[in-house]
Amino acid sequence: MTADLIVTASVIRTCERTRPVVEAFAVRGGRIAAVGTLDEVSTHRGPETRMLDLGDAAVYPGFVDVHNHHALAGRTELFELSLPPSLTLDEILDRVREHAATLPPDAWIVGGVVATTLLHTLASTATRRRLDDAAGGRPVVIVEDSRHNRWASTRALELAGISSDSIPPGGVTVLDPDDGTPTGVLLEAAGIPVQEAYDRSGGLSSEQHVAASRRGVEILNSFGITTFQDAGVSTDILAALAALDRSDELNAWVVSSLLVNDEIFGFDPVGAPLIDRGEEFRTPHHRPDFVKIFLDGVPPARTASFLDPYLPDAVHGAHFHGEATMTFDELHGWLRSVAERGLGAKVHCTGDGSARLVLDVAERIRAEGLTTAIQIAHGQFLAESDIPRLRALDVSADISPFIWFPGVIPQALTEVLGDRAEHSQPNRALLDAGALVAGGSDWPVSESPNTLEGLQGLVTRADPLGRAPGVLWAEQAITAEEALEVFTINAATAMGLGHETGSIAVSKSADFVVLERDAIAGPAEDIVRTAVRSTWFAGREVFTAG
């Protein structure tokens, strides 16, 4: 049949190992109709076929991001106070003061981020009062760079009902050692009452939620991303994605992860009531096909679960390992329940203890004959003996190279883990063991969802932007070709969309990115310097560089 579009370029990488590089491909009805040499593909040319000769440019499959929070990123850009993690306390207070001057007296100031390494500085009554002064007494809540923890003003604590006599049952409410009052630093679930107080004040409208999702997808498209998995959604986000797709405005494949438990967001509902509603929001390009389970927190706050103890500190002593949020039986019950519904599970594990728990439960699940998709989200610390188990148990590793470059977060890891912090993200070992390794940005925990940063980091094990020196466990570097698979076909397969996208192959969606050159063919240190010229989704150009 006659093609709508035929694409040729100096290099077309398909991410199909049987034919990794081709000269051309044809598109009909938004799908790939033919792939091969120009002569082979030209047989599909007709009088109405558009010929797109990209010259020296390179074409890759549209990038796939297995782990991000697109709506939170869009919301931050459009409706919140945006703070880069490099700011000092004085600089943060200056930004709050400037923003407060534009607001009514009782308006909330919501935004982020503050660096993990600042939490100790923030954890005092005196510092909270400085925030109060900068905000003019307004309620303020600012998230920390992992998005697991918050810093709140006195007024925000009051509206949330948090005081010396009323401490939230979940997470950790950090108290001032001198006067015993809440400092405003709230770890994990302790921050949820503040989020709920903000939501009671009005929060965002449904139109704003749609705008946030639209903007998040626009930014992802600008980096060549045409498929992503949102790692934790609310009904507001689900409704926004469905609305965009129903109006032909959703320019990406999206897999949503329905929250089983909520340690950080403050969404309502979660668990079974949310999972029961998932199908309401299914559309052709939006698939509510996964659940999200928080099995632990983050290492810098000592809320991740490890096999070996953290370095000693005054609060936890010398033998503290952290704790998982669920027992074996509880996790097994949830995974079995979602498997019976035909859903996959993304399980947040930042410690090797929680990762082992997932693998132990997966072993039981597989023995029971259940084949549901399971992702270990982050997978940054894994016991050596557990690495072969991922392939054996068909558990994929959702990795985020964006957040382990030498810098603020690795520095915070070293403070609580010591030398163990230097042995994270064993990606070479995972690939050698045959595990499915899928790439995600965890944006906006990372400052950017730029897949090229992730590709370069996987190859060099260094900061692609040169912000911090050194490399991280160089022996775990992978090749550029492997890295491209991690952020295309591997990620699509891990989220259940490998049959739809992730490679340039006949019958798949015509999702591709046009780069100014073949980024992975040259020096690894130059990958991130490659410009995205355009992004195409289902055969339509959805981003064009200005």
Protein backbone atom coordinates (compact mmCIF):
# COMPACT_ATOMS: atom_id res chain seq x y z
CA MET A 1 0.00 0.00 0.00
CA THR A 2 1.07 3.60 -0.60
CA ALA A 3 2.90 5.31 2.25
CA ASP A 4 1.98 8.69 3.72
CA LEU A 5 5.61 9.42 4.53
CA ILE A 6 9.04 8.00 3.66
CA VAL A 7 11.95 9.00 5.90
CA THR A 8 15.62 8.82 4.90
CA ALA A 9 18.69 10.01 6.82
CA SER A 10 22.43 9.44 7.06
CA VAL A 11 21.81 7.01 9.94
CA ILE A 12 18.57 5.42 11.09
CA ARG A 13 19.01 3.32 14.23
CA THR A 14 16.09 0.95 14.69
CA CYS A 15 16.96 -0.61 18.09
CA GLU A 16 16.06 -3.93 16.42
CA ARG A 17 19.06 -6.24 16.75
CA THR A 18 18.22 -8.15 13.58
CA ARG A 19 18.61 -4.97 11.52
CA PRO A 20 20.03 -2.21 13.76
CA VAL A 21 20.78 0.37 11.05
CA VAL A 22 18.72 1.05 7.90
CA GLU A 23 18.50 3.64 5.17
CA ALA A 24 14.80 4.41 5.21
CA PHE A 25 11.36 3.59 6.57
CA ALA A 26 7.81 4.22 5.42
CA VAL A 27 4.83 5.40 7.47
CA ARG A 28 1.16 4.83 6.78
CA GLY A 29 -1.69 5.76 9.12
CA GLY A 30 0.72 6.62 11.91
CA ARG A 31 2.40 3.20 11.81
CA ILE A 32 5.64 1.91 10.33
CA ALA A 33 4.79 0.23 7.02
CA ALA A 34 8.27 -0.76 5.82
CA VAL A 35 11.89 -0.64 6.99
CA GLY A 36 15.05 -1.28 4.98
CA THR A 37 17.11 0.07 2.10
CA LEU A 38 15.89 3.08 0.19
CA ASP A 39 15.14 0.85 -2.79
CA GLU A 40 13.08 -1.52 -0.64
CA VAL A 41 11.12 1.24 1.04
CA SER A 42 10.60 3.21 -2.18
CA THR A 43 8.26 0.52 -3.44
CA HIS A 44 5.73 2.07 -1.05
CA ARG A 45 5.99 5.49 -2.67
CA GLY A 46 2.94 6.94 -4.38
CA PRO A 47 1.97 10.29 -5.89
CA GLU A 48 0.82 11.64 -2.49
CA THR A 49 3.73 10.28 -0.45
CA ARG A 50 5.76 12.90 1.40
CA MET A 51 9.51 12.31 1.07
CA LEU A 52 11.44 13.46 4.16
CA ASP A 53 15.17 13.41 3.42
CA LEU A 54 16.94 14.42 6.63
CA GLY A 55 20.41 14.55 5.10
CA ASP A 56 23.19 14.36 7.68
CA ALA A 57 20.78 14.03 10.59
CA ALA A 58 20.29 10.80 12.53
CA VAL A 59 16.98 9.16 13.37
CA TYR A 60 16.42 7.09 16.54
CA PRO A 61 13.23 5.57 17.90
CA GLY A 62 11.40 8.04 20.11
CA PHE A 63 13.01 7.96 23.53
CA VAL A 64 11.18 6.10 26.28
CA ASP A 65 11.25 7.24 29.92
CA VAL A 66 10.16 4.47 32.30
CA HIS A 67 10.01 6.68 35.38
CA ASN A 68 8.95 10.30 35.67
CA HIS A 69 6.32 12.55 37.23
CA HIS A 70 5.33 14.64 34.23
CA ALA A 71 2.38 16.40 35.84
CA LEU A 72 4.34 17.43 38.93
CA ALA A 73 6.98 18.92 36.65
CA GLY A 74 4.37 20.76 34.58
CA ARG A 75 2.67 22.02 37.71
CA THR A 76 5.94 23.30 39.14
CA GLU A 77 6.72 25.24 35.97
CA LEU A 78 3.26 26.73 35.52
CA PHE A 79 1.86 27.25 39.00
CA GLU A 80 4.53 26.95 41.70
CA LEU A 81 7.73 28.57 42.94
CA SER A 82 10.58 26.89 41.09
CA LEU A 83 13.88 26.65 42.98
CA PRO A 84 17.05 25.01 41.63
CA PRO A 85 18.68 22.64 44.16
CA SER A 86 21.94 24.63 44.06
CA LEU A 87 20.48 27.52 46.09
CA THR A 88 21.73 28.31 49.58
CA LEU A 89 19.34 28.90 52.46
CA ASP A 90 19.70 32.69 52.12
CA GLU A 91 19.01 32.48 48.39
CA ILE A 92 15.90 30.33 48.97
CA LEU A 93 14.58 32.82 51.51
CA ASP A 94 15.19 35.66 49.07
CA ARG A 95 13.18 33.83 46.38
CA VAL A 96 10.36 33.17 48.85
CA ARG A 97 10.34 36.83 49.88
CA GLU A 98 10.17 38.03 46.27
CA HIS A 99 7.36 35.59 45.46
CA ALA A 100 5.40 36.43 48.60
CA ALA A 101 5.37 40.11 47.61
CA THR A 102 3.18 39.21 44.62
CA LEU A 103 0.57 37.24 46.60
CA PRO A 104 -2.50 37.94 48.77
CA PRO A 105 -1.92 37.75 52.55
CA ASP A 106 -3.30 34.22 53.02
CA ALA A 107 -2.04 32.62 49.80
CA TRP A 108 -0.04 29.42 49.93
CA ILE A 109 3.52 29.34 48.63
CA VAL A 110 4.17 25.90 47.18
CA GLY A 111 7.26 24.83 45.30
CA GLY A 112 10.70 23.31 45.32
CA VAL A 113 13.33 22.18 45.57
CA VAL A 114 15.75 22.42 48.45
CA ALA A 115 18.84 20.23 48.42
CA THR A 116 18.92 17.09 50.55
CA THR A 117 22.16 18.34 52.06
CA LEU A 118 20.32 21.41 53.44
CA LEU A 119 17.86 19.45 55.56
CA HIS A 120 20.11 19.55 58.64
CA THR A 121 20.38 23.34 58.32
CA LEU A 122 16.63 23.72 57.98
CA ALA A 123 15.82 21.56 61.00
CA SER A 124 15.56 24.23 63.68
CA THR A 125 12.89 26.51 65.07
CA ALA A 126 15.07 29.53 64.29
CA THR A 127 15.30 28.63 60.61
CA ARG A 128 11.55 27.98 60.41
CA ARG A 129 10.98 31.48 61.79
CA ARG A 130 13.23 32.89 59.08
CA LEU A 131 10.96 31.18 56.54
CA ASP A 132 7.91 32.68 58.27
CA ASP A 133 9.45 36.13 58.02
CA ALA A 134 10.35 35.72 54.34
CA ALA A 135 6.81 34.56 53.54
CA GLY A 136 5.11 37.30 55.54
CA GLY A 137 3.44 34.68 57.73
CA ARG A 138 1.92 32.84 54.77
CA PRO A 139 1.69 29.03 54.65
CA VAL A 140 4.71 27.64 52.81
CA VAL A 141 5.63 24.11 51.79
CA ILE A 142 8.77 23.41 49.78
CA VAL A 143 9.77 19.92 48.71
CA GLU A 144 13.31 18.58 49.00
CA ASP A 145 15.13 17.33 45.91
CA SER A 146 14.14 13.66 46.30
CA ARG A 147 10.48 14.82 46.50
CA HIS A 148 10.10 12.56 49.53
CA ASN A 149 10.51 15.25 52.19
CA ARG A 150 9.16 18.75 52.85
CA TRP A 151 9.98 21.97 54.65
CA ALA A 152 6.96 23.84 55.99
CA SER A 153 6.37 27.21 57.61
CA THR A 154 4.66 27.74 60.96
CA ARG A 155 1.36 28.70 59.32
CA ALA A 156 1.43 25.60 57.11
CA LEU A 157 2.05 23.42 60.17
CA GLU A 158 -0.87 25.08 61.95
CA LEU A 159 -3.24 24.49 59.02
CA ALA A 160 -2.07 20.86 58.89
CA GLY A 161 -2.68 20.37 62.62
CA ILE A 162 0.97 19.60 63.33
CA SER A 163 2.28 20.72 66.72
CA SER A 164 4.32 19.40 69.65
CA ASP A 165 1.12 17.77 70.91
CA SER A 166 -0.04 16.51 67.50
CA ILE A 167 2.59 14.64 65.52
CA PRO A 168 1.56 12.81 62.32
CA PRO A 169 1.65 9.01 62.73
CA GLY A 170 3.62 8.36 59.54
CA GLY A 171 7.11 9.40 58.53
CA VAL A 172 9.32 11.54 60.76
CA THR A 173 8.47 14.97 62.11
CA VAL A 174 11.84 16.48 62.95
CA LEU A 175 11.75 18.30 66.29
CA ASP A 176 14.06 21.03 67.55
CA PRO A 177 16.29 19.44 70.23
CA ASP A 178 16.21 22.64 72.30
CA ASP A 179 12.49 23.40 72.50
CA GLY A 180 10.88 20.16 71.25
CA THR A 181 8.72 21.90 68.64
CA PRO A 182 8.35 20.78 65.01
CA THR A 183 11.04 22.42 62.89
CA GLY A 184 9.00 22.23 59.70
CA VAL A 185 11.23 19.49 58.27
CA LEU A 186 8.88 16.60 57.52
CA LEU A 187 10.23 13.30 56.23
CA GLU A 188 8.21 10.97 54.01
CA ALA A 189 4.54 10.59 55.10
CA ALA A 190 4.88 13.20 57.84
CA GLY A 191 4.51 15.82 55.12
CA ILE A 192 1.19 14.52 53.79
CA PRO A 193 -1.00 16.52 56.24
CA VAL A 194 0.56 19.72 54.88
CA GLN A 195 -0.23 18.68 51.31
CA GLU A 196 -3.78 17.86 52.39
CA ALA A 197 -4.11 21.28 54.03
CA TYR A 198 -3.05 22.92 50.77
CA ASP A 199 -5.56 20.84 48.82
CA ARG A 200 -8.32 21.87 51.23
CA SER A 201 -7.48 25.49 50.47
CA GLY A 202 -8.41 24.90 46.84
CA GLY A 203 -5.35 23.31 45.24
CA LEU A 204 -5.43 23.19 41.45
CA SER A 205 -8.53 23.23 39.27
CA SER A 206 -9.24 20.47 36.76
CA GLU A 207 -8.24 22.88 33.98
CA GLN A 208 -4.92 23.53 35.71
CA HIS A 209 -4.29 19.79 36.03
CA VAL A 210 -4.86 19.42 32.28
CA ALA A 211 -2.52 22.34 31.63
CA ALA A 212 0.14 20.79 33.89
CA SER A 213 -0.01 17.46 32.06
CA ARG A 214 -0.02 19.16 28.66
CA ARG A 215 3.05 21.18 29.61
CA GLY A 216 4.82 18.14 31.01
CA VAL A 217 4.30 16.24 27.75
CA GLU A 218 5.42 19.25 25.70
CA ILE A 219 8.70 19.38 27.61
CA LEU A 220 9.22 15.62 27.21
CA ASN A 221 8.57 15.91 23.45
CA SER A 222 11.19 18.65 23.23
CA PHE A 223 13.77 16.11 24.40
CA GLY A 224 12.67 13.46 21.90
CA ILE A 225 10.54 11.48 24.37
CA THR A 226 7.42 9.89 22.91
CA THR A 227 6.62 7.30 25.59
CA PHE A 228 6.76 7.45 29.36
CA GLN A 229 5.54 5.87 32.56
CA ASP A 230 4.31 8.23 35.25
CA ALA A 231 5.47 6.70 38.50
CA GLY A 232 2.60 7.79 40.73
CA VAL A 233 -0.71 9.33 39.74
CA SER A 234 -3.84 10.79 41.29
CA THR A 235 -7.35 10.78 39.86
CA ASP A 236 -6.70 14.39 38.81
CA ILE A 237 -3.66 13.33 36.75
CA LEU A 238 -5.50 10.33 35.31
CA ALA A 239 -8.41 12.54 34.29
CA ALA A 240 -6.07 15.10 32.72
CA LEU A 241 -4.29 12.48 30.60
CA ALA A 242 -7.58 10.96 29.45
CA ALA A 243 -8.95 14.39 28.58
CA LEU A 244 -5.87 15.23 26.53
CA ASP A 245 -6.06 11.99 24.58
CA ARG A 246 -9.78 12.30 23.93
CA SER A 247 -9.14 15.73 22.40
CA ASP A 248 -6.19 14.41 20.34
CA GLU A 249 -3.71 16.44 22.40
CA LEU A 250 -1.76 13.62 24.07
CA ASN A 251 1.40 13.38 22.00
CA ALA A 252 2.88 10.37 23.75
CA TRP A 253 2.16 6.86 24.92
CA VAL A 254 1.59 7.06 28.68
CA VAL A 255 1.48 4.25 31.22
CA SER A 256 0.18 5.38 34.60
CA SER A 257 1.11 3.84 37.94
CA LEU A 258 -1.81 3.75 40.39
CA LEU A 259 -0.66 4.30 43.98
CA VAL A 260 -1.16 1.38 46.34
CA ASN A 261 0.26 3.36 49.23
CA ASP A 262 1.27 6.98 49.44
CA GLU A 263 4.29 7.91 51.49
CA ILE A 264 4.92 11.31 49.92
CA PHE A 265 2.26 12.79 47.60
CA GLY A 266 -0.87 13.19 49.72
CA PHE A 267 -3.14 11.95 46.93
CA ASP A 268 -6.65 10.68 47.70
CA PRO A 269 -7.83 8.05 46.97
CA VAL A 270 -5.04 5.49 46.89
CA GLY A 271 -5.01 1.70 47.17
CA ALA A 272 -8.01 -0.38 46.15
CA PRO A 273 -10.39 2.61 45.64
CA LEU A 274 -7.95 4.14 43.14
CA ILE A 275 -7.20 0.85 41.40
CA ASP A 276 -10.93 0.21 41.05
CA ARG A 277 -11.27 3.45 39.09
CA GLY A 278 -8.32 2.97 36.77
CA GLU A 279 -10.30 1.75 33.78
CA GLU A 280 -12.37 4.96 33.74
CA PHE A 281 -9.35 6.73 32.34
CA ARG A 282 -8.14 4.28 29.71
CA THR A 283 -7.82 5.81 26.25
CA PRO A 284 -5.95 4.68 23.12
CA HIS A 285 -2.64 6.22 24.24
CA HIS A 286 -3.14 6.27 28.00
CA ARG A 287 -2.78 2.93 29.76
CA PRO A 288 -3.45 2.75 33.53
CA ASP A 289 -1.68 -0.62 33.53
CA PHE A 290 0.59 -0.49 36.59
CA VAL A 291 0.37 0.08 40.31
CA LYS A 292 3.04 1.84 42.35
CA ILE A 293 4.17 0.55 45.73
CA PHE A 294 6.48 2.51 48.01
CA LEU A 295 8.44 -0.21 49.78
CA ASP A 296 10.89 2.19 51.38
CA GLY A 297 12.00 5.82 51.30
CA VAL A 298 15.36 7.39 50.46
CA PRO A 299 18.80 6.72 51.96
CA PRO A 300 19.80 10.30 52.89
CA ALA A 301 16.79 10.47 55.24
CA ARG A 302 17.59 6.92 56.50
CA THR A 303 14.17 5.78 55.33
CA ALA A 304 15.48 3.25 52.79
CA SER A 305 15.79 -0.40 53.85
CA PHE A 306 19.30 -1.92 53.74
CA LEU A 307 20.74 -5.35 54.45
CA ASP A 308 23.66 -3.78 56.31
CA PRO A 309 23.22 -0.90 58.76
CA TYR A 310 23.65 2.78 58.10
CA LEU A 311 26.62 4.63 59.55
CA PRO A 312 25.93 5.36 63.22
CA ASP A 313 24.27 8.61 64.21
CA ALA A 314 22.91 10.10 67.42
CA VAL A 315 19.28 9.31 66.58
CA HIS A 316 19.42 5.76 65.21
CA GLY A 317 22.54 4.32 66.80
CA ALA A 318 24.92 1.81 65.21
CA HIS A 319 22.60 -0.97 64.06
CA PHE A 320 19.85 0.78 62.13
CA HIS A 321 18.98 -0.78 58.76
CA GLY A 322 15.89 1.23 57.88
CA GLU A 323 12.51 -0.38 57.43
CA ALA A 324 10.30 -1.56 54.61
CA THR A 325 6.76 -0.26 54.51
CA MET A 326 5.33 -3.77 54.10
CA THR A 327 5.97 -7.27 55.38
CA PHE A 328 6.50 -10.20 53.03
CA ASP A 329 2.86 -11.24 53.42
CA GLU A 330 1.53 -7.73 52.82
CA LEU A 331 3.61 -7.25 49.67
CA HIS A 332 2.68 -10.73 48.44
CA GLY A 333 -0.99 -9.95 48.97
CA TRP A 334 -0.78 -6.77 46.92
CA LEU A 335 1.27 -8.27 44.09
CA ARG A 336 -1.03 -11.25 43.85
CA SER A 337 -4.10 -9.00 43.87
CA VAL A 338 -2.84 -6.70 41.11
CA ALA A 339 -1.62 -9.67 39.06
CA GLU A 340 -5.11 -11.13 39.15
CA ARG A 341 -6.38 -7.80 37.77
CA GLY A 342 -3.87 -8.01 34.91
CA LEU A 343 -1.81 -5.08 36.17
CA GLY A 344 1.94 -4.71 36.56
CA ALA A 345 3.74 -3.34 39.62
CA LYS A 346 6.41 -0.67 39.94
CA VAL A 347 7.97 -1.08 43.39
CA HIS A 348 10.06 1.76 44.79
CA CYS A 349 13.20 0.30 46.38
CA THR A 350 16.22 2.47 47.07
CA GLY A 351 17.90 0.06 49.49
CA ASP A 352 19.16 -3.47 48.86
CA GLY A 353 16.99 -4.75 51.71
CA SER A 354 13.74 -3.68 50.08
CA ALA A 355 14.99 -4.94 46.69
CA ARG A 356 15.61 -8.38 48.19
CA LEU A 357 12.12 -8.37 49.68
CA VAL A 358 10.66 -7.73 46.22
CA LEU A 359 12.68 -10.58 44.74
CA ASP A 360 11.67 -12.94 47.54
CA VAL A 361 8.00 -12.13 46.96
CA ALA A 362 8.48 -12.38 43.18
CA GLU A 363 9.85 -15.89 43.69
CA ARG A 364 6.63 -16.86 45.45
CA ILE A 365 4.49 -15.11 42.81
CA ARG A 366 6.24 -16.92 39.95
CA ALA A 367 5.92 -20.25 41.73
CA GLU A 368 2.19 -19.59 41.87
CA GLY A 369 2.13 -19.23 38.09
CA LEU A 370 1.62 -15.46 37.93
CA THR A 371 3.49 -13.66 35.17
CA THR A 372 2.63 -10.05 35.98
CA ALA A 373 5.25 -7.41 35.14
CA ILE A 374 7.33 -6.31 38.13
CA GLN A 375 9.76 -3.40 38.11
CA ILE A 376 12.25 -2.59 40.85
CA ALA A 377 12.19 1.19 40.70
CA HIS A 378 15.61 2.81 41.10
CA GLY A 379 17.49 -0.44 41.74
CA GLN A 380 20.46 1.62 42.80
CA PHE A 381 21.65 -0.76 45.51
CA LEU A 382 21.45 -4.50 44.94
CA ALA A 383 23.23 -7.31 46.75
CA GLU A 384 25.60 -9.09 44.36
CA SER A 385 23.83 -12.40 44.92
CA ASP A 386 20.48 -10.82 44.01
CA ILE A 387 21.52 -9.50 40.59
CA PRO A 388 21.05 -12.85 38.74
CA ARG A 389 17.61 -13.20 40.32
CA LEU A 390 16.14 -10.37 38.24
CA ARG A 391 16.41 -12.35 35.03
CA ALA A 392 15.46 -15.61 36.71
CA LEU A 393 12.30 -14.07 38.15
CA ASP A 394 11.52 -11.79 35.17
CA VAL A 395 11.85 -8.62 37.24
CA SER A 396 13.06 -5.51 35.41
CA ALA A 397 15.35 -2.82 36.78
CA ASP A 398 14.00 0.72 36.44
CA ILE A 399 17.17 2.82 36.70
CA SER A 400 17.60 6.59 36.91
CA PRO A 401 21.14 7.62 35.95
CA PHE A 402 20.07 11.26 36.18
CA ILE A 403 20.13 11.16 39.99
CA TRP A 404 23.34 9.26 40.71
CA PHE A 405 25.92 11.39 38.92
CA PRO A 406 28.59 12.65 41.33
CA GLY A 407 26.92 15.59 43.02
CA VAL A 408 24.47 16.47 45.79
CA ILE A 409 22.64 13.15 46.10
CA PRO A 410 25.76 10.91 46.01
CA GLN A 411 27.30 13.22 48.59
CA ALA A 412 24.27 12.73 50.81
CA LEU A 413 24.49 8.96 50.27
CA THR A 414 28.12 8.94 51.39
CA GLU A 415 27.18 10.72 54.62
CA VAL A 416 24.86 7.88 55.65
CA LEU A 417 26.37 4.85 53.88
CA GLY A 418 30.10 5.53 53.75
CA ASP A 419 32.05 3.62 51.11
CA ARG A 420 28.94 1.69 50.04
CA ALA A 421 27.71 4.82 48.30
CA GLU A 422 30.46 4.33 45.71
CA HIS A 423 28.91 1.03 44.61
CA SER A 424 25.50 1.95 43.31
CA GLN A 425 23.77 1.33 39.99
CA PRO A 426 25.41 -1.99 38.99
CA ASN A 427 24.18 -1.67 35.40
CA ARG A 428 26.98 -3.62 33.69
CA ALA A 429 26.40 -6.50 36.07
CA LEU A 430 22.65 -6.41 35.48
CA LEU A 431 23.02 -6.51 31.70
CA ASP A 432 25.64 -9.26 31.89
CA ALA A 433 23.23 -11.27 34.02
CA GLY A 434 20.54 -10.90 31.35
CA ALA A 435 18.27 -8.56 33.30
CA LEU A 436 15.93 -6.18 31.51
CA VAL A 437 17.32 -2.72 32.33
CA ALA A 438 15.00 0.19 31.57
CA GLY A 439 15.90 3.88 31.74
CA GLY A 440 13.99 6.63 33.48
CA SER A 441 14.72 10.21 34.45
CA ASP A 442 12.68 10.48 37.68
CA TRP A 443 12.07 14.05 36.52
CA PRO A 444 11.47 16.43 38.28
CA VAL A 445 13.55 14.78 41.01
CA SER A 446 16.18 15.17 38.31
CA GLU A 447 16.39 18.70 36.98
CA SER A 448 15.83 17.64 33.37
CA PRO A 449 14.31 14.66 31.54
CA ASN A 450 16.94 14.95 28.77
CA THR A 451 17.50 11.34 27.67
CA LEU A 452 20.86 12.28 26.17
CA GLU A 453 22.10 13.06 29.69
CA GLY A 454 21.04 9.61 30.77
CA LEU A 455 22.71 7.95 27.79
CA GLN A 456 25.98 9.73 28.43
CA GLY A 457 25.92 8.97 32.14
CA LEU A 458 25.39 5.26 31.53
CA VAL A 459 28.45 5.19 29.28
CA THR A 460 30.82 7.52 31.17
CA ARG A 461 29.55 7.09 34.75
CA ALA A 462 30.27 10.81 35.12
CA ASP A 463 28.24 14.00 35.26
CA PRO A 464 27.48 14.84 31.60
CA LEU A 465 27.10 18.52 32.39
CA GLY A 466 30.44 18.81 34.17
CA ARG A 467 28.89 20.08 37.39
CA ALA A 468 30.84 17.65 39.59
CA PRO A 469 34.15 15.85 39.16
CA GLY A 470 34.90 12.15 39.22
CA VAL A 471 33.19 8.96 38.12
CA LEU A 472 30.94 6.53 39.93
CA TRP A 473 32.04 2.86 39.89
CA ALA A 474 33.50 3.03 36.39
CA GLU A 475 33.45 -0.77 36.02
CA GLN A 476 29.67 -0.60 35.70
CA ALA A 477 29.72 1.46 32.48
CA ILE A 478 27.78 0.07 29.52
CA THR A 479 28.19 0.69 25.80
CA ALA A 480 26.45 3.50 23.94
CA GLU A 481 24.42 0.99 21.90
CA GLU A 482 23.27 -0.73 25.11
CA ALA A 483 22.40 2.64 26.64
CA LEU A 484 20.22 3.51 23.65
CA GLU A 485 18.34 0.23 24.09
CA VAL A 486 17.88 1.02 27.80
CA PHE A 487 16.06 4.24 26.86
CA THR A 488 14.05 2.81 23.95
CA ILE A 489 13.04 -0.82 23.46
CA ASN A 490 14.00 -1.96 26.97
CA ALA A 491 11.95 0.73 28.67
CA ALA A 492 8.98 0.18 26.35
CA THR A 493 9.11 -3.56 27.06
CA ALA A 494 9.31 -3.02 30.82
CA MET A 495 6.12 -0.94 30.79
CA GLY A 496 4.23 -3.36 28.53
CA LEU A 497 4.44 -1.33 25.32
CA GLY A 498 7.19 -3.17 23.48
CA HIS A 499 4.70 -4.28 20.84
CA GLU A 500 3.59 -0.68 20.22
CA THR A 501 6.75 1.38 20.29
CA GLY A 502 10.39 1.50 21.38
CA SER A 503 11.92 0.54 18.05
CA ILE A 504 11.52 1.32 14.37
CA ALA A 505 9.84 -1.84 13.16
CA VAL A 506 6.95 -2.75 10.89
CA SER A 507 3.50 -2.29 12.46
CA LYS A 508 4.78 -0.23 15.40
CA SER A 509 3.76 3.36 16.02
CA ALA A 510 5.83 5.80 13.95
CA ASP A 511 7.51 7.39 16.95
CA PHE A 512 10.98 8.77 16.29
CA VAL A 513 13.40 11.55 17.14
CA VAL A 514 15.58 13.42 14.66
CA LEU A 515 19.02 14.38 16.02
CA GLU A 516 21.51 16.68 14.35
CA ARG A 517 24.02 13.80 14.23
CA ASP A 518 24.50 10.20 15.30
CA ALA A 519 24.98 10.97 18.99
CA ILE A 520 26.20 7.56 20.12
CA ALA A 521 28.73 7.10 17.30
CA GLY A 522 31.19 9.75 18.48
CA PRO A 523 32.97 10.43 21.77
CA ALA A 524 30.78 9.53 24.73
CA GLU A 525 31.58 12.90 26.34
CA ASP A 526 29.79 14.65 23.46
CA ILE A 527 26.48 12.74 23.53
CA VAL A 528 24.69 15.41 25.55
CA ARG A 529 25.84 18.12 23.13
CA THR A 530 23.66 16.68 20.36
CA ALA A 531 20.65 18.80 19.50
CA VAL A 532 17.15 17.42 18.98
CA ARG A 533 15.83 18.76 15.67
CA SER A 534 12.34 17.29 15.81
CA THR A 535 10.17 14.71 17.51
CA TRP A 536 7.51 12.62 15.79
CA PHE A 537 4.65 10.74 17.43
CA ALA A 538 2.38 8.41 15.44
CA GLY A 539 3.77 9.88 12.24
CA ARG A 540 3.08 13.49 13.27
CA GLU A 541 5.72 16.11 14.05
CA VAL A 542 5.03 17.16 17.65
CA PHE A 543 8.18 19.18 18.31
CA THR A 544 10.37 21.27 16.03
CA ALA A 545 13.48 23.03 17.29
CA GLY A 546 13.30 26.78 16.90
